[in-house]
PDB file of N, CA and C in Angstrom:
ATOM      1  N   MET A   1    -241.350   2.540  18.019  1.00  0.00           N
ATOM      2  CA  MET A   1    -240.711   3.806  18.338  1.00  0.00           C
ATOM      3  C   MET A   1    -239.743   3.578  19.500  1.00  0.00           C
ATOM      4  N   ALA A   2    -238.607   4.203  19.434  1.00  0.00           N
ATOM      5  CA  ALA A   2    -237.594   4.062  20.468  1.00  0.00           C
ATOM      6  C   ALA A   2    -237.974   4.889  21.692  1.00  0.00           C
ATOM      7  N   GLU A   3    -237.578   4.391  22.851  1.00  0.00           N
ATOM      8  CA  GLU A   3    -237.763   5.126  24.097  1.00  0.00           C
ATOM      9  C   GLU A   3    -236.390   5.485  24.634  1.00  0.00           C
ATOM     10  N   PHE A   4    -236.357   6.545  25.416  1.00  0.00           N
ATOM     11  CA  PHE A   4    -235.115   6.948  26.052  1.00  0.00           C
ATOM     12  C   PHE A   4    -235.228   6.697  27.545  1.00  0.00           C
ATOM     13  N   GLU A   5    -234.115   6.276  28.114  1.00  0.00           N
ATOM     14  CA  GLU A   5    -234.073   5.905  29.524  1.00  0.00           C
ATOM     15  C   GLU A   5    -233.153   6.867  30.262  1.00  0.00           C
ATOM     16  N   GLY A   6    -233.577   7.283  31.428  1.00  0.00           N
ATOM     17  CA  GLY A   6    -232.754   8.145  32.256  1.00  0.00           C
ATOM     18  C   GLY A   6    -232.872   7.731  33.708  1.00  0.00           C
ATOM     19  N   LYS A   7    -231.808   7.940  34.454  1.00  0.00           N
ATOM     20  CA  LYS A   7    -231.775   7.545  35.857  1.00  0.00           C
ATOM     21  C   LYS A   7    -231.652   8.784  36.726  1.00  0.00           C
ATOM     22  N   CYS A   8    -232.458   8.845  37.780  1.00  0.00           N
ATOM     23  CA  CYS A   8    -232.375   9.958  38.732  1.00  0.00           C
ATOM     24  C   CYS A   8    -231.012   9.903  39.428  1.00  0.00           C
ATOM     25  N   PRO A   9    -230.270  11.005  39.445  1.00  0.00           N
ATOM     26  CA  PRO A   9    -228.960  10.998  40.088  1.00  0.00           C
ATOM     27  C   PRO A   9    -229.030  10.884  41.609  1.00  0.00           C
ATOM     28  N   HIS A  10    -230.194  11.098  42.189  1.00  0.00           N
ATOM     29  CA  HIS A  10    -230.316  11.016  43.643  1.00  0.00           C
ATOM     30  C   HIS A  10    -230.748   9.629  44.114  1.00  0.00           C
ATOM     31  N   CYS A  11    -231.814   9.063  43.497  1.00  0.00           N
ATOM     32  CA  CYS A  11    -232.373   7.802  44.000  1.00  0.00           C
ATOM     33  C   CYS A  11    -232.176   6.612  43.051  1.00  0.00           C
ATOM     34  N   ASP A  12    -231.634   6.846  41.868  1.00  0.00           N
ATOM     35  CA  ASP A  12    -231.391   5.811  40.855  1.00  0.00           C
ATOM     36  C   ASP A  12    -232.662   5.212  40.261  1.00  0.00           C
ATOM     37  N   LYS A  13    -233.791   5.865  40.427  1.00  0.00           N
ATOM     38  CA  LYS A  13    -235.037   5.402  39.824  1.00  0.00           C
ATOM     39  C   LYS A  13    -234.971   5.644  38.321  1.00  0.00           C
ATOM     40  N   LEU A  14    -235.435   4.645  37.529  1.00  0.00           N
ATOM     41  CA  LEU A  14    -235.420   4.769  36.075  1.00  0.00           C
ATOM     42  C   LEU A  14    -236.683   5.460  35.585  1.00  0.00           C
ATOM     43  N   HIS A  15    -236.510   6.344  34.619  1.00  0.00           N
ATOM     44  CA  HIS A  15    -237.614   7.052  33.976  1.00  0.00           C
ATOM     45  C   HIS A  15    -237.495   6.838  32.475  1.00  0.00           C
ATOM     46  N   TYR A  16    -238.635   6.815  31.783  1.00  0.00           N
ATOM     47  CA  TYR A  16    -238.649   6.584  30.343  1.00  0.00           C
ATOM     48  C   TYR A  16    -239.406   7.709  29.645  1.00  0.00           C
ATOM     49  N   SER A  17    -238.979   8.017  28.432  1.00  0.00           N
ATOM     50  CA  SER A  17    -239.617   9.060  27.643  1.00  0.00           C
ATOM     51  C   SER A  17    -239.500   8.710  26.169  1.00  0.00           C
ATOM     52  N   GLU A  18    -240.433   9.203  25.394  1.00  0.00           N
ATOM     53  CA  GLU A  18    -240.361   8.999  23.950  1.00  0.00           C
ATOM     54  C   GLU A  18    -239.458  10.027  23.281  1.00  0.00           C
ATOM     55  N   ARG A  19    -239.111  11.094  24.002  1.00  0.00           N
ATOM     56  CA  ARG A  19    -238.240  12.138  23.450  1.00  0.00           C
ATOM     57  C   ARG A  19    -237.044  12.342  24.367  1.00  0.00           C
ATOM     58  N   ARG A  20    -235.888  12.475  23.769  1.00  0.00           N
ATOM     59  CA  ARG A  20    -234.659  12.644  24.549  1.00  0.00           C
ATOM     60  C   ARG A  20    -234.632  13.992  25.269  1.00  0.00           C
ATOM     61  N   ASP A  21    -235.216  15.034  24.671  1.00  0.00           N
ATOM     62  CA  ASP A  21    -235.130  16.379  25.240  1.00  0.00           C
ATOM     63  C   ASP A  21    -236.271  16.723  26.194  1.00  0.00           C
ATOM     64  N   GLU A  22    -237.097  15.747  26.554  1.00  0.00           N
ATOM     65  CA  GLU A  22    -238.198  15.997  27.481  1.00  0.00           C
ATOM     66  C   GLU A  22    -237.648  16.253  28.892  1.00  0.00           C
ATOM     67  N   VAL A  23    -238.260  17.185  29.595  1.00  0.00           N
ATOM     68  CA  VAL A  23    -237.844  17.497  30.961  1.00  0.00           C
ATOM     69  C   VAL A  23    -238.711  16.690  31.926  1.00  0.00           C
ATOM     70  N   VAL A  24    -238.053  15.861  32.728  1.00  0.00           N
ATOM     71  CA  VAL A  24    -238.741  15.042  33.725  1.00  0.00           C
ATOM     72  C   VAL A  24    -238.084  15.309  35.070  1.00  0.00           C
ATOM     73  N   VAL A  25    -238.908  15.545  36.069  1.00  0.00           N
ATOM     74  CA  VAL A  25    -238.415  15.768  37.422  1.00  0.00           C
ATOM     75  C   VAL A  25    -238.824  14.570  38.268  1.00  0.00           C
ATOM     76  N   CYS A  26    -237.851  13.930  38.892  1.00  0.00           N
ATOM     77  CA  CYS A  26    -238.126  12.775  39.748  1.00  0.00           C
ATOM     78  C   CYS A  26    -238.858  13.243  41.007  1.00  0.00           C
ATOM     79  N   ASP A  27    -239.769  12.409  41.476  1.00  0.00           N
ATOM     80  CA  ASP A  27    -240.551  12.776  42.661  1.00  0.00           C
ATOM     81  C   ASP A  27    -239.915  12.314  43.971  1.00  0.00           C
ATOM     82  N   CYS A  28    -238.696  11.802  43.931  1.00  0.00           N
ATOM     83  CA  CYS A  28    -238.065  11.263  45.137  1.00  0.00           C
ATOM     84  C   CYS A  28    -237.877  12.313  46.228  1.00  0.00           C
ATOM     85  N   TRP A  29    -237.785  13.569  45.865  1.00  0.00           N
ATOM     86  CA  TRP A  29    -237.545  14.619  46.853  1.00  0.00           C
ATOM     87  C   TRP A  29    -238.768  14.870  47.733  1.00  0.00           C
ATOM     88  N   THR A  30    -239.935  14.335  47.354  1.00  0.00           N
ATOM     89  CA  THR A  30    -241.155  14.545  48.132  1.00  0.00           C
ATOM     90  C   THR A  30    -241.410  13.437  49.150  1.00  0.00           C
ATOM     91  N   TYR A  31    -240.584  12.388  49.148  1.00  0.00           N
ATOM     92  CA  TYR A  31    -240.785  11.265  50.062  1.00  0.00           C
ATOM     93  C   TYR A  31    -239.732  11.268  51.163  1.00  0.00           C
ATOM     94  N   CYS A  32    -240.153  10.919  52.362  1.00  0.00           N
ATOM     95  CA  CYS A  32    -239.268  10.878  53.525  1.00  0.00           C
ATOM     96  C   CYS A  32    -238.270   9.722  53.370  1.00  0.00           C
ATOM     97  N   PRO A  33    -236.966   9.992  53.495  1.00  0.00           N
ATOM     98  CA  PRO A  33    -235.991   8.913  53.379  1.00  0.00           C
ATOM     99  C   PRO A  33    -235.989   7.975  54.586  1.00  0.00           C
ATOM    100  N   LEU A  34    -236.620   8.380  55.677  1.00  0.00           N
ATOM    101  CA  LEU A  34    -236.657   7.539  56.873  1.00  0.00           C
ATOM    102  C   LEU A  34    -237.799   6.534  56.855  1.00  0.00           C
ATOM    103  N   CYS A  35    -238.987   6.974  56.429  1.00  0.00           N
ATOM    104  CA  CYS A  35    -240.158   6.085  56.490  1.00  0.00           C
ATOM    105  C   CYS A  35    -240.844   5.876  55.139  1.00  0.00           C
ATOM    106  N   GLY A  36    -240.506   6.659  54.136  1.00  0.00           N
ATOM    107  CA  GLY A  36    -241.091   6.510  52.811  1.00  0.00           C
ATOM    108  C   GLY A  36    -242.430   7.212  52.620  1.00  0.00           C
ATOM    109  N   ALA A  37    -242.925   7.902  53.639  1.00  0.00           N
ATOM    110  CA  ALA A  37    -244.204   8.614  53.527  1.00  0.00           C
ATOM    111  C   ALA A  37    -244.022   9.901  52.734  1.00  0.00           C
ATOM    112  N   MET A  38    -245.098  10.351  52.119  1.00  0.00           N
ATOM    113  CA  MET A  38    -245.056  11.620  51.385  1.00  0.00           C
ATOM    114  C   MET A  38    -244.949  12.750  52.406  1.00  0.00           C
ATOM    115  N   MET A  39    -243.961  13.628  52.194  1.00  0.00           N
ATOM    116  CA  MET A  39    -243.768  14.758  53.103  1.00  0.00           C
ATOM    117  C   MET A  39    -244.658  15.915  52.683  1.00  0.00           C
ATOM    118  N   THR A  40    -244.813  16.864  53.574  1.00  0.00           N
ATOM    119  CA  THR A  40    -245.620  18.053  53.296  1.00  0.00           C
ATOM    120  C   THR A  40    -244.687  19.250  53.123  1.00  0.00           C
ATOM    121  N   PRO A  41    -245.102  20.241  52.335  1.00  0.00           N
ATOM    122  CA  PRO A  41    -244.265  21.433  52.183  1.00  0.00           C
ATOM    123  C   PRO A  41    -244.059  22.120  53.531  1.00  0.00           C
ATOM    124  N   TYR A  42    -242.842  22.574  53.767  1.00  0.00           N
ATOM    125  CA  TYR A  42    -242.497  23.235  55.020  1.00  0.00           C
ATOM    126  C   TYR A  42    -242.826  24.712  54.930  1.00  0.00           C
ATOM    127  N   THR A  43    -243.550  25.187  55.904  1.00  0.00           N
ATOM    128  CA  THR A  43    -243.872  26.605  56.006  1.00  0.00           C
ATOM    129  C   THR A  43    -243.269  27.127  57.310  1.00  0.00           C
ATOM    130  N   PRO A  44    -242.280  28.012  57.237  1.00  0.00           N
ATOM    131  CA  PRO A  44    -241.660  28.519  58.468  1.00  0.00           C
ATOM    132  C   PRO A  44    -242.633  29.372  59.277  1.00  0.00           C
ATOM    133  N   ASP A  45    -242.365  29.461  60.574  1.00  0.00           N
ATOM    134  CA  ASP A  45    -243.206  30.248  61.475  1.00  0.00           C
ATOM    135  C   ASP A  45    -243.103  31.745  61.193  1.00  0.00           C
ATOM    136  N   LEU A  46    -241.928  32.186  60.793  1.00  0.00           N
ATOM    137  CA  LEU A  46    -241.675  33.604  60.518  1.00  0.00           C
ATOM    138  C   LEU A  46    -241.389  33.795  59.035  1.00  0.00           C
ATOM    139  N   ALA A  47    -241.373  35.025  58.598  1.00  0.00           N
ATOM    140  CA  ALA A  47    -240.976  35.316  57.220  1.00  0.00           C
ATOM    141  C   ALA A  47    -239.535  34.872  57.014  1.00  0.00           C
ATOM    142  N   THR A  48    -239.221  34.376  55.819  1.00  0.00           N
ATOM    143  CA  THR A  48    -237.882  33.834  55.585  1.00  0.00           C
ATOM    144  C   THR A  48    -236.784  34.868  55.806  1.00  0.00           C
ATOM    145  N   GLY A  49    -237.053  36.145  55.638  1.00  0.00           N
ATOM    146  CA  GLY A  49    -236.058  37.181  55.886  1.00  0.00           C
ATOM    147  C   GLY A  49    -235.727  37.346  57.358  1.00  0.00           C
ATOM    148  N   SER A  50    -236.548  36.777  58.256  1.00  0.00           N
ATOM    149  CA  SER A  50    -236.319  36.894  59.688  1.00  0.00           C
ATOM    150  C   SER A  50    -235.252  35.920  60.178  1.00  0.00           C
ATOM    151  N   TYR A  51    -235.006  34.855  59.411  1.00  0.00           N
ATOM    152  CA  TYR A  51    -234.010  33.867  59.802  1.00  0.00           C
ATOM    153  C   TYR A  51    -232.650  34.327  59.314  1.00  0.00           C
ATOM    154  N   GLY A  52    -231.638  34.024  60.079  1.00  0.00           N
ATOM    155  CA  GLY A  52    -230.307  34.387  59.628  1.00  0.00           C
ATOM    156  C   GLY A  52    -229.265  34.100  60.685  1.00  0.00           C
ATOM    157  N   ALA A  53    -228.070  33.796  60.199  1.00  0.00           N
ATOM    158  CA  ALA A  53    -226.933  33.584  61.080  1.00  0.00           C
ATOM    159  C   ALA A  53    -225.699  34.045  60.323  1.00  0.00           C
ATOM    160  N   ASP A  54    -224.855  34.798  60.969  1.00  0.00           N
ATOM    161  CA  ASP A  54    -223.628  35.306  60.347  1.00  0.00           C
ATOM    162  C   ASP A  54    -223.911  36.096  59.077  1.00  0.00           C
ATOM    163  N   GLY A  55    -225.000  36.842  59.056  1.00  0.00           N
ATOM    164  CA  GLY A  55    -225.325  37.660  57.901  1.00  0.00           C
ATOM    165  C   GLY A  55    -225.971  36.904  56.758  1.00  0.00           C
ATOM    166  N   LYS A  56    -226.151  35.597  56.902  1.00  0.00           N
ATOM    167  CA  LYS A  56    -226.790  34.797  55.858  1.00  0.00           C
ATOM    168  C   LYS A  56    -228.268  34.654  56.195  1.00  0.00           C
ATOM    169  N   ARG A  57    -229.107  34.886  55.228  1.00  0.00           N
ATOM    170  CA  ARG A  57    -230.546  34.796  55.450  1.00  0.00           C
ATOM    171  C   ARG A  57    -231.154  33.763  54.518  1.00  0.00           C
ATOM    172  N   GLY A  58    -232.277  33.255  54.929  1.00  0.00           N
ATOM    173  CA  GLY A  58    -232.997  32.300  54.098  1.00  0.00           C
ATOM    174  C   GLY A  58    -233.138  30.958  54.789  1.00  0.00           C
ATOM    175  N   VAL A  59    -234.118  30.221  54.363  1.00  0.00           N
ATOM    176  CA  VAL A  59    -234.390  28.894  54.908  1.00  0.00           C
ATOM    177  C   VAL A  59    -234.184  27.896  53.786  1.00  0.00           C
ATOM    178  N   THR A  60    -233.408  26.861  54.042  1.00  0.00           N
ATOM    179  CA  THR A  60    -233.143  25.866  53.006  1.00  0.00           C
ATOM    180  C   THR A  60    -234.059  24.654  53.113  1.00  0.00           C
ATOM    181  N   ILE A  61    -234.896  24.588  54.134  1.00  0.00           N
ATOM    182  CA  ILE A  61    -235.802  23.456  54.321  1.00  0.00           C
ATOM    183  C   ILE A  61    -236.987  23.607  53.373  1.00  0.00           C
ATOM    184  N   LEU A  62    -237.254  22.563  52.594  1.00  0.00           N
ATOM    185  CA  LEU A  62    -238.352  22.609  51.635  1.00  0.00           C
ATOM    186  C   LEU A  62    -239.530  21.732  52.046  1.00  0.00           C
ATOM    187  N   MET A  63    -239.247  20.570  52.641  1.00  0.00           N
ATOM    188  CA  MET A  63    -240.296  19.604  52.991  1.00  0.00           C
ATOM    189  C   MET A  63    -240.086  19.140  54.428  1.00  0.00           C
ATOM    190  N   VAL A  64    -241.171  18.637  55.040  1.00  0.00           N
ATOM    191  CA  VAL A  64    -241.092  18.132  56.400  1.00  0.00           C
ATOM    192  C   VAL A  64    -241.959  16.880  56.520  1.00  0.00           C
ATOM    193  N   CYS A  65    -241.451  15.900  57.281  1.00  0.00           N
ATOM    194  CA  CYS A  65    -242.224  14.699  57.602  1.00  0.00           C
ATOM    195  C   CYS A  65    -242.553  14.771  59.089  1.00  0.00           C
ATOM    196  N   LEU A  66    -243.827  14.921  59.381  1.00  0.00           N
ATOM    197  CA  LEU A  66    -244.273  15.098  60.767  1.00  0.00           C
ATOM    198  C   LEU A  66    -244.526  13.774  61.483  1.00  0.00           C
ATOM    199  N   LEU A  67    -244.211  12.648  60.847  1.00  0.00           N
ATOM    200  CA  LEU A  67    -244.437  11.342  61.452  1.00  0.00           C
ATOM    201  C   LEU A  67    -243.327  10.943  62.419  1.00  0.00           C
ATOM    202  N   HIS A  68    -242.322  11.798  62.565  1.00  0.00           N
ATOM    203  CA  HIS A  68    -241.185  11.506  63.437  1.00  0.00           C
ATOM    204  C   HIS A  68    -241.130  12.514  64.571  1.00  0.00           C
ATOM    205  N   SER A  69    -240.465  12.138  65.648  1.00  0.00           N
ATOM    206  CA  SER A  69    -240.287  13.048  66.767  1.00  0.00           C
ATOM    207  C   SER A  69    -238.797  13.097  67.091  1.00  0.00           C
ATOM    208  N   PRO A  70    -238.100  14.163  66.806  1.00  0.00           N
ATOM    209  CA  PRO A  70    -238.553  15.406  66.176  1.00  0.00           C
ATOM    210  C   PRO A  70    -238.838  15.195  64.690  1.00  0.00           C
ATOM    211  N   PRO A  71    -239.581  16.107  64.073  1.00  0.00           N
ATOM    212  CA  PRO A  71    -239.896  15.981  62.650  1.00  0.00           C
ATOM    213  C   PRO A  71    -238.632  15.947  61.796  1.00  0.00           C
ATOM    214  N   PHE A  72    -238.718  15.264  60.661  1.00  0.00           N
ATOM    215  CA  PHE A  72    -237.598  15.225  59.721  1.00  0.00           C
ATOM    216  C   PHE A  72    -237.750  16.373  58.730  1.00  0.00           C
ATOM    217  N   TYR A  73    -236.740  17.228  58.655  1.00  0.00           N
ATOM    218  CA  TYR A  73    -236.743  18.377  57.749  1.00  0.00           C
ATOM    219  C   TYR A  73    -235.818  18.078  56.567  1.00  0.00           C
ATOM    220  N   SER A  74    -236.320  18.244  55.370  1.00  0.00           N
ATOM    221  CA  SER A  74    -235.554  17.926  54.176  1.00  0.00           C
ATOM    222  C   SER A  74    -235.215  19.180  53.388  1.00  0.00           C
ATOM    223  N   SER A  75    -233.968  19.263  52.954  1.00  0.00           N
ATOM    224  CA  SER A  75    -233.539  20.377  52.108  1.00  0.00           C
ATOM    225  C   SER A  75    -233.271  19.900  50.678  1.00  0.00           C
ATOM    226  N   LEU A  76    -233.644  18.655  50.365  1.00  0.00           N
ATOM    227  CA  LEU A  76    -233.453  18.117  49.025  1.00  0.00           C
ATOM    228  C   LEU A  76    -234.338  18.844  48.031  1.00  0.00           C
ATOM    229  N   LYS A  77    -233.758  19.249  46.923  1.00  0.00           N
ATOM    230  CA  LYS A  77    -234.495  19.981  45.896  1.00  0.00           C
ATOM    231  C   LYS A  77    -234.907  19.024  44.778  1.00  0.00           C
ATOM    232  N   PRO A  78    -235.891  19.425  43.962  1.00  0.00           N
ATOM    233  CA  PRO A  78    -236.284  18.585  42.831  1.00  0.00           C
ATOM    234  C   PRO A  78    -235.083  18.280  41.932  1.00  0.00           C
ATOM    235  N   VAL A  79    -235.063  17.042  41.424  1.00  0.00           N
ATOM    236  CA  VAL A  79    -233.942  16.581  40.618  1.00  0.00           C
ATOM    237  C   VAL A  79    -234.428  16.306  39.198  1.00  0.00           C
ATOM    238  N   GLU A  80    -233.784  16.932  38.226  1.00  0.00           N
ATOM    239  CA  GLU A  80    -234.131  16.718  36.822  1.00  0.00           C
ATOM    240  C   GLU A  80    -233.400  15.482  36.306  1.00  0.00           C
ATOM    241  N   VAL A  81    -234.134  14.647  35.572  1.00  0.00           N
ATOM    242  CA  VAL A  81    -233.578  13.422  35.007  1.00  0.00           C
ATOM    243  C   VAL A  81    -233.073  13.714  33.599  1.00  0.00           C
ATOM    244  N   VAL A  82    -231.874  13.256  33.286  1.00  0.00           N
ATOM    245  CA  VAL A  82    -231.298  13.417  31.958  1.00  0.00           C
ATOM    246  C   VAL A  82    -231.383  12.069  31.246  1.00  0.00           C
ATOM    247  N   PHE A  83    -231.997  12.068  30.071  1.00  0.00           N
ATOM    248  CA  PHE A  83    -232.145  10.832  29.306  1.00  0.00           C
ATOM    249  C   PHE A  83    -230.887  10.592  28.492  1.00  0.00           C
ATOM    250  N   THR A  84    -230.266   9.426  28.713  1.00  0.00           N
ATOM    251  CA  THR A  84    -229.001   9.135  28.076  1.00  0.00           C
ATOM    252  C   THR A  84    -229.026   7.883  27.204  1.00  0.00           C
ATOM    253  N   HIS A  85    -229.782   6.879  27.592  1.00  0.00           N
ATOM    254  CA  HIS A  85    -229.773   5.609  26.896  1.00  0.00           C
ATOM    255  C   HIS A  85    -231.046   5.448  26.058  1.00  0.00           C
ATOM    256  N   GLU A  86    -230.881   4.929  24.859  1.00  0.00           N
ATOM    257  CA  GLU A  86    -232.013   4.649  23.998  1.00  0.00           C
ATOM    258  C   GLU A  86    -232.361   3.170  24.140  1.00  0.00           C
ATOM    259  N   THR A  87    -233.641   2.891  24.361  1.00  0.00           N
ATOM    260  CA  THR A  87    -234.107   1.507  24.477  1.00  0.00           C
ATOM    261  C   THR A  87    -235.102   1.238  23.354  1.00  0.00           C
ATOM    262  N   LEU A  88    -235.278  -0.001  23.015  1.00  0.00           N
ATOM    263  CA  LEU A  88    -236.246  -0.371  21.984  1.00  0.00           C
ATOM    264  C   LEU A  88    -237.556  -0.709  22.649  1.00  0.00           C
ATOM    265  N   ALA A  89    -238.632  -0.054  22.246  1.00  0.00           N
ATOM    266  CA  ALA A  89    -239.944  -0.282  22.846  1.00  0.00           C
ATOM    267  C   ALA A  89    -240.666  -1.396  22.130  1.00  0.00           C
TER     268      ALA A  89
END
């Protein structure tokens, strides 16, 4: 059976699937780009509606790595992999 190969557009990691239309999300957004440790979900101190500047509200930080001083805050979102190449299994 043929396999399909797709590359994450953010980290270039290769993913494989038996179906071209399968939805795969790369896990690279959960790892700290500075140290490689798994980050934890960021929970703001206040409700997200409390933050704002120039009339814009919301927090774009999704993950945080507390192993650094100051902590590393990441706004990278999950990345969907698109399968483009067919490989022979």
